[in-house]
PDB file of N, CA and C in Angstrom:
ATOM      1  N   MET A   1       0.990  -1.578  -0.150  1.00  0.00           N
ATOM      2  CA  MET A   1      -0.417  -0.244   0.065  1.00  0.00           C
ATOM      3  C   MET A   1       0.675   0.857  -0.002  1.00  0.00           C
ATOM      4  N   ASN A   2       0.542   2.113  -0.813  1.00  0.00           N
ATOM      5  CA  ASN A   2       1.285   3.760  -0.949  1.00  0.00           C
ATOM      6  C   ASN A   2       1.384   4.061   0.409  1.00  0.00           C
ATOM      7  N   ALA A   3       1.893   4.792   1.204  1.00  0.00           N
ATOM      8  CA  ALA A   3       2.292   5.255   2.743  1.00  0.00           C
ATOM      9  C   ALA A   3       1.270   6.341   2.414  1.00  0.00           C
ATOM     10  N   GLU A   4       1.238   7.162   1.640  1.00  0.00           N
ATOM     11  CA  GLU A   4       0.206   8.505   1.671  1.00  0.00           C
ATOM     12  C   GLU A   4      -1.025   8.024   1.812  1.00  0.00           C
ATOM     13  N   PHE A   5      -1.553   7.254   0.930  1.00  0.00           N
ATOM     14  CA  PHE A   5      -2.671   6.182   1.022  1.00  0.00           C
ATOM     15  C   PHE A   5      -3.194   5.981   2.179  1.00  0.00           C
ATOM     16  N   MET A   6      -2.153   5.158   2.804  1.00  0.00           N
ATOM     17  CA  MET A   6      -2.334   4.400   4.441  1.00  0.00           C
ATOM     18  C   MET A   6      -2.618   5.490   5.209  1.00  0.00           C
ATOM     19  N   LEU A   7      -1.472   6.718   5.379  1.00  0.00           N
ATOM     20  CA  LEU A   7      -1.683   7.958   6.233  1.00  0.00           C
ATOM     21  C   LEU A   7      -2.929   8.482   6.421  1.00  0.00           C
ATOM     22  N   LEU A   8      -3.741   8.697   4.929  1.00  0.00           N
ATOM     23  CA  LEU A   8      -4.706   9.017   4.652  1.00  0.00           C
ATOM     24  C   LEU A   8      -5.889   8.593   5.335  1.00  0.00           C
ATOM     25  N   ALA A   9      -5.666   7.124   4.975  1.00  0.00           N
ATOM     26  CA  ALA A   9      -7.185   6.187   5.548  1.00  0.00           C
ATOM     27  C   ALA A   9      -6.581   6.254   7.177  1.00  0.00           C
ATOM     28  N   ILE A  10      -5.710   6.445   7.692  1.00  0.00           N
ATOM     29  CA  ILE A  10      -5.704   6.225   9.397  1.00  0.00           C
ATOM     30  C   ILE A  10      -5.832   7.681  10.169  1.00  0.00           C
ATOM     31  N   TYR A  11      -5.350   8.954   9.447  1.00  0.00           N
ATOM     32  CA  TYR A  11      -5.706   9.676  10.320  1.00  0.00           C
ATOM     33  C   TYR A  11      -6.814  11.052   9.511  1.00  0.00           C
ATOM     34  N   ASN A  12      -7.294  10.002   8.374  1.00  0.00           N
ATOM     35  CA  ASN A  12      -8.299  11.059   7.680  1.00  0.00           C
ATOM     36  C   ASN A  12      -8.299  12.877   7.660  1.00  0.00           C
ATOM     37  N   SER A  13      -6.838  13.173   7.066  1.00  0.00           N
ATOM     38  CA  SER A  13      -6.418  14.450   6.897  1.00  0.00           C
ATOM     39  C   SER A  13      -5.447  14.482   6.177  1.00  0.00           C
ATOM     40  N   PRO A  14      -5.593  15.899   5.346  1.00  0.00           N
ATOM     41  CA  PRO A  14      -4.035  15.727   4.446  1.00  0.00           C
ATOM     42  C   PRO A  14      -2.886  16.606   5.355  1.00  0.00           C
ATOM     43  N   VAL A  15      -2.963  16.611   6.439  1.00  0.00           N
ATOM     44  CA  VAL A  15      -2.121  17.068   7.630  1.00  0.00           C
ATOM     45  C   VAL A  15      -2.082  16.581   8.752  1.00  0.00           C
ATOM     46  N   LEU A  16      -0.959  16.483   9.380  1.00  0.00           N
ATOM     47  CA  LEU A  16      -0.638  15.903  10.647  1.00  0.00           C
ATOM     48  C   LEU A  16       0.051  16.475  11.567  1.00  0.00           C
ATOM     49  N   THR A  17      -0.458  16.637  12.698  1.00  0.00           N
ATOM     50  CA  THR A  17       0.188  16.889  14.004  1.00  0.00           C
ATOM     51  C   THR A  17       1.242  17.054  14.386  1.00  0.00           C
ATOM     52  N   LEU A  18       1.985  17.816  15.223  1.00  0.00           N
ATOM     53  CA  LEU A  18       3.215  17.284  15.800  1.00  0.00           C
ATOM     54  C   LEU A  18       3.149  15.908  16.454  1.00  0.00           C
ATOM     55  N   GLU A  19       2.701  15.525  17.305  1.00  0.00           N
ATOM     56  CA  GLU A  19       2.108  14.370  17.911  1.00  0.00           C
ATOM     57  C   GLU A  19       1.600  13.131  16.984  1.00  0.00           C
ATOM     58  N   GLN A  20       0.799  13.316  16.278  1.00  0.00           N
ATOM     59  CA  GLN A  20       1.151  12.260  15.072  1.00  0.00           C
ATOM     60  C   GLN A  20       2.639  12.071  14.236  1.00  0.00           C
ATOM     61  N   VAL A  21       2.952  13.111  13.966  1.00  0.00           N
ATOM     62  CA  VAL A  21       3.763  12.984  12.856  1.00  0.00           C
ATOM     63  C   VAL A  21       5.279  12.466  14.113  1.00  0.00           C
ATOM     64  N   CYS A  22       5.692  12.334  15.150  1.00  0.00           N
ATOM     65  CA  CYS A  22       5.856  11.679  16.604  1.00  0.00           C
ATOM     66  C   CYS A  22       5.997  10.412  16.349  1.00  0.00           C
ATOM     67  N   HIS A  23       4.489   9.851  16.258  1.00  0.00           N
ATOM     68  CA  HIS A  23       4.297   9.132  17.059  1.00  0.00           C
ATOM     69  C   HIS A  23       4.595   7.917  15.570  1.00  0.00           C
ATOM     70  N   ILE A  24       4.282   8.477  14.446  1.00  0.00           N
ATOM     71  CA  ILE A  24       4.693   8.033  12.955  1.00  0.00           C
ATOM     72  C   ILE A  24       6.257   7.736  13.034  1.00  0.00           C
ATOM     73  N   VAL A  25       7.281   8.543  13.486  1.00  0.00           N
ATOM     74  CA  VAL A  25       8.702   9.029  12.987  1.00  0.00           C
ATOM     75  C   VAL A  25       9.374   8.012  14.665  1.00  0.00           C
ATOM     76  N   GLY A  26       8.420   7.982  15.638  1.00  0.00           N
ATOM     77  CA  GLY A  26       8.992   7.093  16.402  1.00  0.00           C
ATOM     78  C   GLY A  26       9.550   8.174  17.402  1.00  0.00           C
ATOM     79  N   VAL A  27       9.532   9.258  17.556  1.00  0.00           N
ATOM     80  CA  VAL A  27      10.495  10.310  18.822  1.00  0.00           C
ATOM     81  C   VAL A  27       9.436  11.023  19.692  1.00  0.00           C
ATOM     82  N   ALA A  28      10.636  10.957  20.451  1.00  0.00           N
ATOM     83  CA  ALA A  28       9.405  11.751  21.529  1.00  0.00           C
ATOM     84  C   ALA A  28       8.925  13.649  20.904  1.00  0.00           C
ATOM     85  N   LYS A  29       8.463  14.060  21.523  1.00  0.00           N
ATOM     86  CA  LYS A  29       7.540  15.263  20.962  1.00  0.00           C
ATOM     87  C   LYS A  29       9.177  16.667  21.435  1.00  0.00           C
ATOM     88  N   ASP A  30       9.602  16.335  22.716  1.00  0.00           N
ATOM     89  CA  ASP A  30      10.498  16.820  23.079  1.00  0.00           C
ATOM     90  C   ASP A  30      11.789  16.830  22.425  1.00  0.00           C
ATOM     91  N   THR A  31      11.806  15.985  21.918  1.00  0.00           N
ATOM     92  CA  THR A  31      13.050  15.361  20.958  1.00  0.00           C
ATOM     93  C   THR A  31      12.679  16.212  19.519  1.00  0.00           C
ATOM     94  N   ALA A  32      11.989  16.415  19.114  1.00  0.00           N
ATOM     95  CA  ALA A  32      11.560  16.911  17.405  1.00  0.00           C
ATOM     96  C   ALA A  32      11.480  18.488  17.788  1.00  0.00           C
ATOM     97  N   TYR A  33      11.073  19.081  19.176  1.00  0.00           N
ATOM     98  CA  TYR A  33      11.465  20.591  18.663  1.00  0.00           C
ATOM     99  C   TYR A  33      12.790  20.773  19.131  1.00  0.00           C
ATOM    100  N   VAL A  34      13.561  19.740  19.411  1.00  0.00           N
ATOM    101  CA  VAL A  34      15.140  19.837  19.360  1.00  0.00           C
ATOM    102  C   VAL A  34      15.552  19.745  18.418  1.00  0.00           C
ATOM    103  N   GLN A  35      15.164  18.956  17.362  1.00  0.00           N
ATOM    104  CA  GLN A  35      15.845  18.557  16.355  1.00  0.00           C
ATOM    105  C   GLN A  35      14.899  19.669  15.277  1.00  0.00           C
ATOM    106  N   ARG A  36      14.422  19.982  15.804  1.00  0.00           N
ATOM    107  CA  ARG A  36      13.733  21.395  14.676  1.00  0.00           C
ATOM    108  C   ARG A  36      14.127  22.863  14.718  1.00  0.00           C
ATOM    109  N   SER A  37      14.467  22.636  16.337  1.00  0.00           N
ATOM    110  CA  SER A  37      15.203  24.314  15.949  1.00  0.00           C
ATOM    111  C   SER A  37      16.958  24.095  15.785  1.00  0.00           C
ATOM    112  N   ASN A  38      17.547  22.507  15.574  1.00  0.00           N
ATOM    113  CA  ASN A  38      18.461  22.292  15.170  1.00  0.00           C
ATOM    114  C   ASN A  38      18.734  22.344  13.142  1.00  0.00           C
ATOM    115  N   GLY A  39      17.469  22.372  13.228  1.00  0.00           N
ATOM    116  CA  GLY A  39      17.370  21.969  11.367  1.00  0.00           C
ATOM    117  C   GLY A  39      17.777  20.340  10.957  1.00  0.00           C
ATOM    118  N   THR A  40      17.164  19.426  11.803  1.00  0.00           N
ATOM    119  CA  THR A  40      17.899  18.350  11.974  1.00  0.00           C
ATOM    120  C   THR A  40      16.881  17.256  11.637  1.00  0.00           C
ATOM    121  N   PHE A  41      15.341  17.729  12.131  1.00  0.00           N
ATOM    122  CA  PHE A  41      14.110  17.319  11.850  1.00  0.00           C
ATOM    123  C   PHE A  41      13.561  16.819  10.358  1.00  0.00           C
ATOM    124  N   PRO A  42      13.404  15.248  10.149  1.00  0.00           N
ATOM    125  CA  PRO A  42      13.698  14.926   8.690  1.00  0.00           C
ATOM    126  C   PRO A  42      12.135  14.954   7.557  1.00  0.00           C
ATOM    127  N   ILE A  43      11.206  16.026   8.898  1.00  0.00           N
ATOM    128  CA  ILE A  43       9.975  16.605   7.689  1.00  0.00           C
ATOM    129  C   ILE A  43       9.753  17.754   8.015  1.00  0.00           C
ATOM    130  N   PRO A  44       8.800  18.469   6.727  1.00  0.00           N
ATOM    131  CA  PRO A  44       9.607  19.601   7.070  1.00  0.00           C
ATOM    132  C   PRO A  44       8.062  19.485   7.974  1.00  0.00           C
ATOM    133  N   MET A  45       7.959  20.802   8.918  1.00  0.00           N
ATOM    134  CA  MET A  45       6.578  21.369   9.739  1.00  0.00           C
ATOM    135  C   MET A  45       6.344  23.251   9.807  1.00  0.00           C
ATOM    136  N   SER A  46       5.031  23.330   9.989  1.00  0.00           N
ATOM    137  CA  SER A  46       5.006  24.849   9.573  1.00  0.00           C
ATOM    138  C   SER A  46       4.094  24.988  10.568  1.00  0.00           C
ATOM    139  N   GLY A  47       3.571  26.263  10.704  1.00  0.00           N
ATOM    140  CA  GLY A  47       2.041  26.660  11.513  1.00  0.00           C
ATOM    141  C   GLY A  47       1.999  26.703  12.942  1.00  0.00           C
ATOM    142  N   LYS A  48       1.085  27.238  13.822  1.00  0.00           N
ATOM    143  CA  LYS A  48       1.037  27.102  14.839  1.00  0.00           C
ATOM    144  C   LYS A  48      -0.898  26.504  15.457  1.00  0.00           C
ATOM    145  N   PRO A  49      -0.760  25.765  15.627  1.00  0.00           N
ATOM    146  CA  PRO A  49       0.219  24.492  16.315  1.00  0.00           C
ATOM    147  C   PRO A  49       1.436  23.936  14.935  1.00  0.00           C
ATOM    148  N   LEU A  50       2.073  23.825  15.226  1.00  0.00           N
ATOM    149  CA  LEU A  50       3.340  22.661  13.803  1.00  0.00           C
ATOM    150  C   LEU A  50       1.934  21.510  13.022  1.00  0.00           C
ATOM    151  N   ARG A  51       2.161  21.597  11.939  1.00  0.00           N
ATOM    152  CA  ARG A  51       1.795  20.604  11.462  1.00  0.00           C
ATOM    153  C   ARG A  51       2.368  20.503  10.177  1.00  0.00           C
ATOM    154  N   ALA A  52       2.226  18.657   9.386  1.00  0.00           N
ATOM    155  CA  ALA A  52       3.189  18.208   8.819  1.00  0.00           C
ATOM    156  C   ALA A  52       2.343  18.114   7.356  1.00  0.00           C
ATOM    157  N   ASP A  53       2.558  18.408   5.994  1.00  0.00           N
ATOM    158  CA  ASP A  53       1.677  17.612   5.104  1.00  0.00           C
ATOM    159  C   ASP A  53       1.643  15.913   4.905  1.00  0.00           C
ATOM    160  N   VAL A  54       0.589  15.633   4.822  1.00  0.00           N
ATOM    161  CA  VAL A  54       0.965  14.059   4.798  1.00  0.00           C
ATOM    162  C   VAL A  54       1.894  13.587   3.902  1.00  0.00           C
ATOM    163  N   ARG A  55       1.955  14.505   2.058  1.00  0.00           N
ATOM    164  CA  ARG A  55       2.684  13.556   1.824  1.00  0.00           C
ATOM    165  C   ARG A  55       4.081  13.921   1.939  1.00  0.00           C
ATOM    166  N   ASP A  56       4.229  14.842   2.795  1.00  0.00           N
ATOM    167  CA  ASP A  56       5.934  14.774   3.098  1.00  0.00           C
ATOM    168  C   ASP A  56       6.026  13.286   4.634  1.00  0.00           C
ATOM    169  N   VAL A  57       5.477  13.556   4.984  1.00  0.00           N
ATOM    170  CA  VAL A  57       5.457  12.141   6.052  1.00  0.00           C
ATOM    171  C   VAL A  57       5.775  10.936   4.961  1.00  0.00           C
ATOM    172  N   ALA A  58       4.739  10.778   4.040  1.00  0.00           N
ATOM    173  CA  ALA A  58       4.820   9.412   3.176  1.00  0.00           C
ATOM    174  C   ALA A  58       5.874   9.454   2.705  1.00  0.00           C
ATOM    175  N   LEU A  59       6.393  10.258   2.218  1.00  0.00           N
ATOM    176  CA  LEU A  59       8.300  10.584   1.723  1.00  0.00           C
ATOM    177  C   LEU A  59       8.820   9.963   2.741  1.00  0.00           C
ATOM    178  N   TYR A  60       9.028  10.598   3.528  1.00  0.00           N
ATOM    179  CA  TYR A  60       9.727  10.242   4.506  1.00  0.00           C
ATOM    180  C   TYR A  60      10.095   9.250   4.980  1.00  0.00           C
ATOM    181  N   MET A  61       8.870   8.136   5.148  1.00  0.00           N
ATOM    182  CA  MET A  61       8.428   6.628   5.116  1.00  0.00           C
ATOM    183  C   MET A  61       9.101   5.739   4.215  1.00  0.00           C
ATOM    184  N   ASP A  62       8.962   6.681   2.830  1.00  0.00           N
ATOM    185  CA  ASP A  62       8.995   5.880   2.025  1.00  0.00           C
ATOM    186  C   ASP A  62      11.028   5.708   1.755  1.00  0.00           C
ATOM    187  N   LYS A  63      11.046   6.651   2.060  1.00  0.00           N
ATOM    188  CA  LYS A  63      12.846   6.749   2.146  1.00  0.00           C
ATOM    189  C   LYS A  63      13.583   6.191   3.229  1.00  0.00           C
ATOM    190  N   THR A  64      12.449   6.033   4.151  1.00  0.00           N
ATOM    191  CA  THR A  64      13.334   5.300   5.692  1.00  0.00           C
ATOM    192  C   THR A  64      13.329   3.886   5.043  1.00  0.00           C
ATOM    193  N   ARG A  65      12.336   3.147   4.591  1.00  0.00           N
ATOM    194  CA  ARG A  65      11.818   2.123   4.076  1.00  0.00           C
ATOM    195  C   ARG A  65      12.813   1.595   3.117  1.00  0.00           C
ATOM    196  N   ALA A  66      13.398   2.160   1.960  1.00  0.00           N
ATOM    197  CA  ALA A  66      14.001   2.026   0.961  1.00  0.00           C
ATOM    198  C   ALA A  66      15.265   1.936   1.802  1.00  0.00           C
ATOM    199  N   SER A  67      15.877   2.575   2.507  1.00  0.00           N
ATOM    200  CA  SER A  67      17.378   2.400   2.786  1.00  0.00           C
ATOM    201  C   SER A  67      17.585   1.017   3.757  1.00  0.00           C
ATOM    202  N   ALA A  68      16.132   0.790   4.289  1.00  0.00           N
ATOM    203  CA  ALA A  68      16.498  -0.021   5.112  1.00  0.00           C
ATOM    204  C   ALA A  68      16.951  -1.409   4.402  1.00  0.00           C
ATOM    205  N   THR A  69      16.434  -1.554   3.127  1.00  0.00           N
ATOM    206  CA  THR A  69      16.386  -2.865   2.334  1.00  0.00           C
ATOM    207  C   THR A  69      17.657  -2.928   1.962  1.00  0.00           C
TER     208      THR A  69
END
């Protein structure tokens, strides 16, 4: 299944909250804030509250899966 369609089916939204992204990526929220301030968080996020486009999260998942094989 395509990661983008999977995320859309699970979260029923084209944007994901920081909490949702942290759950998907497997990092603590505090770690995500530190990585964002350092410029090392792997997924672009913007807005208040922070949100990520589901396509960016899916792309990260696809890249991570490809590098694991």
